Protein backbone atom coordinates (compact mmCIF):
# COMPACT_ATOMS: atom_id res chain seq x y z
CA MET A 1 -39.75 -65.51 -94.28
CA HIS A 2 -43.19 -64.01 -93.94
CA ALA A 3 -43.86 -61.17 -91.57
CA LYS A 4 -45.34 -62.45 -88.38
CA THR A 5 -48.64 -61.11 -87.21
CA ASP A 6 -49.37 -59.75 -83.77
CA SER A 7 -51.22 -62.98 -82.85
CA GLU A 8 -48.18 -65.07 -83.74
CA VAL A 9 -45.95 -62.85 -81.64
CA THR A 10 -48.38 -63.20 -78.78
CA SER A 11 -48.48 -67.02 -79.13
CA LEU A 12 -44.68 -67.18 -79.20
CA ALA A 13 -44.48 -65.11 -76.06
CA ALA A 14 -47.06 -67.40 -74.36
CA SER A 15 -45.29 -70.64 -75.38
CA SER A 16 -41.88 -69.45 -74.08
CA PRO A 17 -40.85 -70.99 -70.78
CA THR A 18 -41.92 -69.19 -67.65
CA ARG A 19 -39.18 -67.05 -66.16
CA SER A 20 -38.82 -65.00 -63.04
CA PRO A 21 -40.63 -61.66 -63.10
CA ARG A 22 -38.55 -58.84 -64.55
CA ARG A 23 -38.83 -55.12 -64.20
CA PRO A 24 -39.81 -53.13 -67.32
CA ALA A 25 -37.06 -51.85 -69.59
CA TYR A 26 -37.28 -48.70 -71.63
CA TYR A 27 -35.81 -48.23 -75.10
CA VAL A 28 -34.93 -45.27 -77.26
CA GLN A 29 -35.08 -45.86 -81.01
CA SER A 30 -33.22 -43.63 -83.44
CA PRO A 31 -33.03 -44.03 -87.22
CA SER A 32 -29.61 -44.55 -88.74
CA ARG A 33 -30.43 -42.76 -91.96
CA ASP A 34 -33.40 -41.61 -94.02
CA SER A 35 -33.74 -41.64 -97.80
CA HIS A 36 -34.26 -38.21 -99.31
CA ASP A 37 -34.95 -39.30 -102.92
CA GLY A 38 -38.55 -40.45 -102.24
CA GLU A 39 -37.80 -44.18 -102.57
CA LYS A 40 -39.03 -46.48 -99.83
CA THR A 41 -36.10 -48.31 -98.36
CA ALA A 42 -35.81 -50.45 -95.34
CA THR A 43 -34.91 -48.43 -92.29
CA SER A 44 -32.92 -50.00 -89.53
CA PHE A 45 -33.32 -49.04 -85.92
CA HIS A 46 -30.80 -49.33 -83.17
CA SER A 47 -32.33 -50.37 -79.95
CA THR A 48 -30.61 -49.00 -76.85
CA PRO A 49 -31.77 -50.22 -73.49
CA VAL A 50 -32.38 -47.63 -70.81
CA LEU A 51 -32.44 -49.14 -67.38
CA SER A 52 -35.24 -48.37 -65.06
CA PRO A 53 -34.36 -46.84 -61.68
CA MET A 54 -34.49 -50.34 -60.10
CA GLY A 55 -32.32 -51.93 -62.84
CA SER A 56 -33.08 -54.90 -65.16
CA PRO A 57 -31.36 -58.24 -65.77
CA PRO A 58 -28.70 -58.31 -68.50
CA HIS A 59 -30.34 -61.17 -70.47
CA SER A 60 -33.40 -59.07 -71.28
CA HIS A 61 -31.45 -57.46 -74.14
CA SER A 62 -31.88 -60.41 -76.57
CA SER A 63 -35.66 -60.66 -76.28
CA SER A 64 -36.03 -56.88 -76.48
CA SER A 65 -33.86 -56.83 -79.62
CA ARG A 66 -36.16 -59.35 -81.32
CA PHE A 67 -39.16 -57.31 -80.29
CA SER A 68 -37.49 -54.20 -81.72
CA LYS A 69 -36.71 -55.89 -85.03
CA ILE A 70 -40.29 -57.20 -85.43
CA ASN A 71 -41.77 -53.78 -84.75
CA GLY A 72 -39.21 -52.13 -87.01
CA SER A 73 -40.09 -54.37 -89.95
CA LYS A 74 -43.74 -53.46 -89.64
CA ARG A 75 -43.76 -49.66 -89.21
CA LYS A 76 -41.79 -46.61 -90.19
CA PRO A 77 -40.51 -44.07 -87.63
CA HIS A 78 -42.78 -41.21 -86.90
CA ALA A 79 -41.80 -37.60 -87.56
CA GLY A 80 -41.67 -36.94 -83.81
CA GLU A 81 -39.10 -39.68 -83.31
CA LYS A 82 -36.88 -38.28 -86.08
CA LYS A 83 -37.11 -34.79 -84.62
CA PHE A 84 -36.26 -36.06 -81.14
CA ALA A 85 -33.20 -37.95 -82.43
CA MET A 86 -31.96 -34.89 -84.34
CA ILE A 87 -32.39 -32.65 -81.26
CA GLU A 88 -30.57 -35.15 -79.10
CA GLU A 89 -27.62 -35.36 -81.53
CA GLU A 90 -27.41 -31.55 -81.78
CA GLY A 91 -27.45 -31.30 -77.98
CA LEU A 92 -24.54 -33.70 -77.69
CA LEU A 93 -22.59 -31.68 -80.25
CA HIS A 94 -23.25 -28.43 -78.37
CA ASP A 95 -22.16 -30.00 -75.08
CA GLY A 96 -18.89 -31.03 -76.67
CA ASP A 97 -18.34 -27.50 -78.00
CA LYS A 98 -18.94 -26.03 -74.52
CA GLU A 99 -16.41 -28.36 -72.95
CA GLU A 100 -13.82 -27.32 -75.53
CA GLU A 101 -14.60 -23.60 -75.16
CA GLY A 102 -14.55 -23.58 -71.30
CA LEU A 103 -11.49 -22.11 -69.50
CA PRO A 104 -9.42 -24.37 -67.26
CA ARG A 105 -9.90 -24.06 -63.53
CA ARG A 106 -6.38 -22.78 -62.92
CA CYS A 107 -7.19 -19.70 -65.01
CA TYR A 108 -9.99 -18.79 -62.61
CA VAL A 109 -7.68 -19.32 -59.62
CA LEU A 110 -5.02 -17.14 -61.20
CA ALA A 111 -7.56 -14.42 -62.00
CA PHE A 112 -8.81 -14.48 -58.40
CA ILE A 113 -5.28 -14.14 -57.00
CA VAL A 114 -4.43 -11.24 -59.31
CA GLY A 115 -7.70 -9.46 -58.58
CA PHE A 116 -7.32 -9.88 -54.81
CA SER A 117 -3.73 -8.61 -54.94
CA LEU A 118 -4.74 -5.51 -56.88
CA LEU A 119 -7.62 -4.80 -54.51
CA PHE A 120 -5.39 -5.22 -51.45
CA ALA A 121 -2.69 -2.98 -52.95
CA PHE A 122 -5.29 -0.30 -53.70
CA PHE A 123 -6.64 -0.48 -50.13
CA SER A 124 -3.11 -0.25 -48.69
CA LEU A 125 -2.37 2.77 -50.87
CA ILE A 126 -5.48 4.52 -49.55
CA LEU A 127 -4.39 3.88 -45.94
CA TYR A 128 -0.88 5.12 -46.65
CA ALA A 129 -2.16 8.29 -48.33
CA ALA A 130 -4.50 8.95 -45.39
CA ALA A 131 -1.77 8.44 -42.75
CA LYS A 132 1.10 10.33 -44.39
CA PRO A 133 -0.21 13.89 -43.81
CA GLN A 134 -0.77 13.22 -40.07
CA LYS A 135 2.80 14.02 -39.04
CA PRO A 136 3.87 14.18 -35.39
CA LYS A 137 4.73 17.51 -33.80
CA ILE A 138 7.96 18.03 -31.82
CA LEU A 139 8.74 21.07 -29.66
CA VAL A 140 12.09 21.43 -27.87
CA LYS A 141 11.41 23.32 -24.65
CA SER A 142 14.64 23.78 -22.72
CA ILE A 143 18.00 22.42 -21.63
CA THR A 144 19.50 22.50 -18.15
CA PHE A 145 23.24 22.20 -17.43
CA GLU A 146 23.66 20.52 -14.08
CA GLN A 147 27.43 20.33 -14.42
CA LEU A 148 30.06 21.91 -16.67
CA LYS A 149 33.65 21.72 -15.53
CA VAL A 150 36.89 22.41 -17.41
CA GLN A 151 40.22 21.21 -16.07
CA ALA A 152 43.68 20.34 -17.33
CA GLY A 153 44.35 16.81 -18.48
CA GLN A 154 45.77 14.58 -21.21
CA ASP A 155 44.12 12.93 -24.19
CA ALA A 156 44.58 9.29 -25.22
CA GLY A 157 47.90 10.15 -26.92
CA GLY A 158 49.33 11.82 -23.82
CA ILE A 159 48.99 15.37 -25.12
CA GLY A 160 48.22 17.93 -22.42
CA THR A 161 45.07 19.93 -23.04
CA ASP A 162 41.92 21.19 -21.34
CA MET A 163 39.29 18.53 -20.62
CA ILE A 164 35.56 19.21 -20.22
CA THR A 165 33.08 17.18 -18.21
CA MET A 166 29.41 18.07 -18.47
CA ASN A 167 25.93 16.79 -17.71
CA ALA A 168 22.70 18.31 -19.05
CA THR A 169 19.00 17.44 -19.38
CA LEU A 170 17.04 18.15 -22.56
CA ARG A 171 13.26 18.58 -22.42
CA MET A 172 10.97 18.36 -25.42
CA MET A 173 7.31 17.72 -26.14
CA TYR A 174 6.21 14.98 -28.57
CA ARG A 175 2.64 14.88 -29.92
CA ASN A 176 1.12 12.21 -32.17
CA THR A 177 -1.52 13.77 -34.43
CA GLY A 178 -2.60 10.45 -35.99
CA THR A 179 -6.32 9.75 -35.66
CA PHE A 180 -6.25 6.00 -36.28
CA PHE A 181 -2.69 4.80 -35.59
CA GLY A 182 0.03 4.92 -32.95
CA VAL A 183 3.75 5.45 -33.58
CA HIS A 184 7.02 3.94 -32.37
CA VAL A 185 9.56 6.67 -31.65
CA THR A 186 13.35 6.62 -31.44
CA SER A 187 16.16 8.98 -32.41
CA SER A 188 19.68 9.28 -33.71
CA PRO A 189 22.45 10.16 -31.21
CA ILE A 190 21.96 13.66 -29.81
CA ASP A 191 25.18 15.64 -30.29
CA LEU A 192 26.03 18.72 -28.25
CA SER A 193 28.98 20.46 -29.88
CA PHE A 194 31.17 23.42 -29.07
CA SER A 195 33.58 24.84 -31.65
CA GLN A 196 32.93 21.77 -33.87
CA ILE A 197 33.89 19.43 -31.01
CA THR A 198 31.26 17.08 -29.60
CA ILE A 199 31.34 17.64 -25.85
CA GLY A 200 28.22 15.61 -24.94
CA SER A 201 25.83 13.04 -26.42
CA GLY A 202 22.63 11.18 -25.60
CA THR A 203 19.72 9.35 -27.21
CA VAL A 204 15.94 9.15 -26.92
CA LYS A 205 14.78 5.89 -25.37
CA LYS A 206 12.39 4.07 -27.67
CA PHE A 207 8.73 4.53 -26.74
CA TYR A 208 5.24 4.07 -28.17
CA GLN A 209 2.86 6.98 -28.52
CA SER A 210 -0.83 6.21 -28.97
CA ARG A 211 -3.09 8.14 -31.32
CA LYS A 212 -4.06 11.73 -30.51
CA SER A 213 -1.80 11.98 -27.45
CA GLU A 214 1.38 13.71 -26.29
CA ARG A 215 4.15 13.43 -23.70
CA THR A 216 7.20 15.24 -22.35
CA VAL A 217 10.47 13.50 -23.24
CA LEU A 218 13.59 13.89 -21.06
CA VAL A 219 17.01 13.07 -22.50
CA ASN A 220 20.31 13.04 -20.60
CA VAL A 221 23.25 14.56 -22.50
CA ILE A 222 26.54 13.49 -20.94
CA GLY A 223 30.21 14.17 -21.73
CA ASP A 224 33.19 12.88 -19.73
CA LYS A 225 36.67 14.37 -20.06
CA THR A 226 36.45 15.45 -23.66
CA PRO A 227 39.67 17.11 -24.92
CA LEU A 228 39.22 20.67 -26.18
CA TYR A 229 42.68 21.25 -27.74
CA GLY A 230 42.92 24.94 -26.90
CA SER A 231 39.24 25.76 -27.44
CA GLY A 232 38.21 25.68 -23.82
CA SER A 233 39.38 29.12 -22.77
CA THR A 234 35.90 30.61 -23.22
CA LEU A 235 34.34 27.81 -21.19
CA VAL A 236 36.50 28.56 -18.15
CA PRO A 237 34.68 30.95 -15.83
CA PRO A 238 36.53 34.27 -15.47
CA PRO A 239 38.47 34.82 -12.21
CA PRO A 240 37.14 37.36 -9.72
CA PRO A 241 38.51 40.87 -10.36
CA ALA A 242 41.43 42.13 -8.24
CA PRO A 243 40.73 44.99 -5.85
CA ILE A 244 41.87 48.46 -7.05
CA PRO A 245 43.48 50.63 -4.31
CA THR A 246 42.50 54.36 -4.19
CA LYS A 247 43.32 57.31 -1.85
CA SER A 248 40.80 59.03 0.37
CA LYS A 249 40.97 62.75 1.24
CA LYS A 250 39.31 62.52 4.66
CA LYS A 251 41.16 59.55 6.06
CA LYS A 252 44.78 58.66 5.98
CA GLY A 253 45.78 55.46 4.20
CA PRO A 254 44.56 53.74 1.03
CA ILE A 255 40.97 52.66 0.62
CA VAL A 256 40.21 49.48 -1.37
CA ILE A 257 37.30 49.72 -3.84
CA VAL A 258 36.14 46.62 -5.70
CA GLU A 259 34.67 47.29 -9.12
CA PRO A 260 32.07 44.88 -10.58
CA PRO A 261 33.52 42.50 -13.17
CA ALA A 262 32.49 42.66 -16.79
CA PRO A 263 29.98 39.94 -17.71
CA PRO A 264 31.54 37.14 -19.75
CA ALA A 265 30.36 36.61 -23.29
CA PRO A 266 27.87 33.77 -23.87
CA VAL A 267 29.36 30.51 -25.12
CA PRO A 268 27.70 29.32 -28.37
CA MET A 269 26.79 25.62 -28.57
CA ARG A 270 24.90 23.57 -31.11
CA LEU A 271 22.45 20.70 -30.54
CA ASN A 272 21.76 18.39 -33.48
CA PHE A 273 19.71 15.15 -33.75
CA THR A 274 16.97 13.38 -35.76
CA VAL A 275 13.72 11.95 -34.36
CA ARG A 276 12.39 8.85 -36.16
CA SER A 277 8.73 7.88 -35.94
CA ARG A 278 7.17 4.82 -37.55
CA ALA A 279 3.50 3.85 -37.67
CA TYR A 280 2.17 0.31 -38.25
CA VAL A 281 -1.15 1.11 -39.95
CA LEU A 282 -1.72 -2.34 -41.48
CA GLY A 283 0.81 -4.47 -39.66
CA LYS A 284 4.20 -4.38 -41.33
CA LEU A 285 2.66 -3.98 -44.79
CA VAL A 286 1.79 -0.28 -44.43
CA GLN A 287 4.46 1.58 -42.43
CA PRO A 288 4.51 5.35 -42.94
CA LYS A 289 7.71 6.88 -41.59
CA PHE A 290 8.19 10.39 -40.21
CA TYR A 291 11.74 11.71 -39.85
CA LYS A 292 12.43 15.17 -38.39
CA ARG A 293 15.80 16.82 -38.04
CA ILE A 294 16.17 19.20 -35.10
CA VAL A 295 18.91 21.83 -34.78
CA CYS A 296 19.11 24.10 -31.71
CA LEU A 297 21.47 27.00 -31.00
CA ILE A 298 22.37 27.42 -27.32
CA ASN A 299 23.97 30.45 -25.69
CA PHE A 300 25.47 29.12 -22.50
CA GLU A 301 26.36 31.43 -19.60
CA HIS A 302 27.96 30.36 -16.34
CA LYS A 303 25.38 32.27 -14.35
CA LYS A 304 22.70 29.96 -15.87
CA LEU A 305 24.27 26.81 -14.49
CA SER A 306 21.52 24.56 -13.03
CA LYS A 307 18.85 26.78 -14.57
CA HIS A 308 16.51 26.18 -17.51
CA ILE A 309 17.72 27.69 -20.78
CA ALA A 310 14.72 28.21 -23.05
CA LEU A 311 15.06 26.77 -26.56
CA THR A 312 11.54 27.22 -27.93
CA ASN A 313 12.57 30.03 -30.26
CA ASN A 314 16.11 28.80 -30.92
CA CYS A 315 15.34 25.44 -32.58
CA SER A 316 14.42 24.55 -36.15
CA VAL A 317 12.50 21.36 -37.00
CA THR A 318 12.80 20.11 -40.59
CA ALA A 319 10.91 17.14 -42.06
CA LEU A 320 13.10 14.72 -43.99
């Protein structure tokens, strides 16, 4: 077959039956291979339709293929077309390499979770370190014995012994030194002991203390019929002294002179308890705790019944 001229192609296009108007189609031509030995060989082109934004009918592919073959038999590809095809193929290869080298999405999610956890832990540690030195201050002021009575009785086993009944009020001052947090305060049982026997007990009612504030705390210490097993002799008030008869030189008959009794020795007692304070700086995640053990030595005298016994200098406060 002879190569058809442009006029013949034009006449063929004119003699073809009239069809409905079609939108233009665009084509990209790329060479399959080029000869590098200098010989002129036939070069084939692959015609790939590229649809216009409005689309084109499917049957336009056959006519465009013929048009591509006719043009391909006449001319050789330009250097610009070869360069464009090579760039396009290299771009596709690089895109494939990027997809293979990219990390999966779950790795980014995992990295975000780990990073957020570390940052949150570091922030919590800073808050804890800032709150820990701001310890509350506790000062035991005094104790007042409203009642202290010793009488004979029997314990649970029926053994006869002295029984003590007492009622006292403990006063202390609690101060929260925290600048940015409040504290919840409670305590262990308050034990009042005499000769290693607990004769009274009480507890601090739970309360909340706001930042940079203080309050006076009152605690009732109560004991009811506690057996002393022979240790209550010093708690019994001494009897009044008997009158001593003497003779007078001026008057006949004896004259009674009452001498003042000797003051009884103070009765040593021991007060022991622990105050627990807990701050919620960052909810329940950051909870600095402050425990303080308080030990007070009390010298009880019967003449001080219903009076305040100062304990400011007789108590030791130890941080646990």
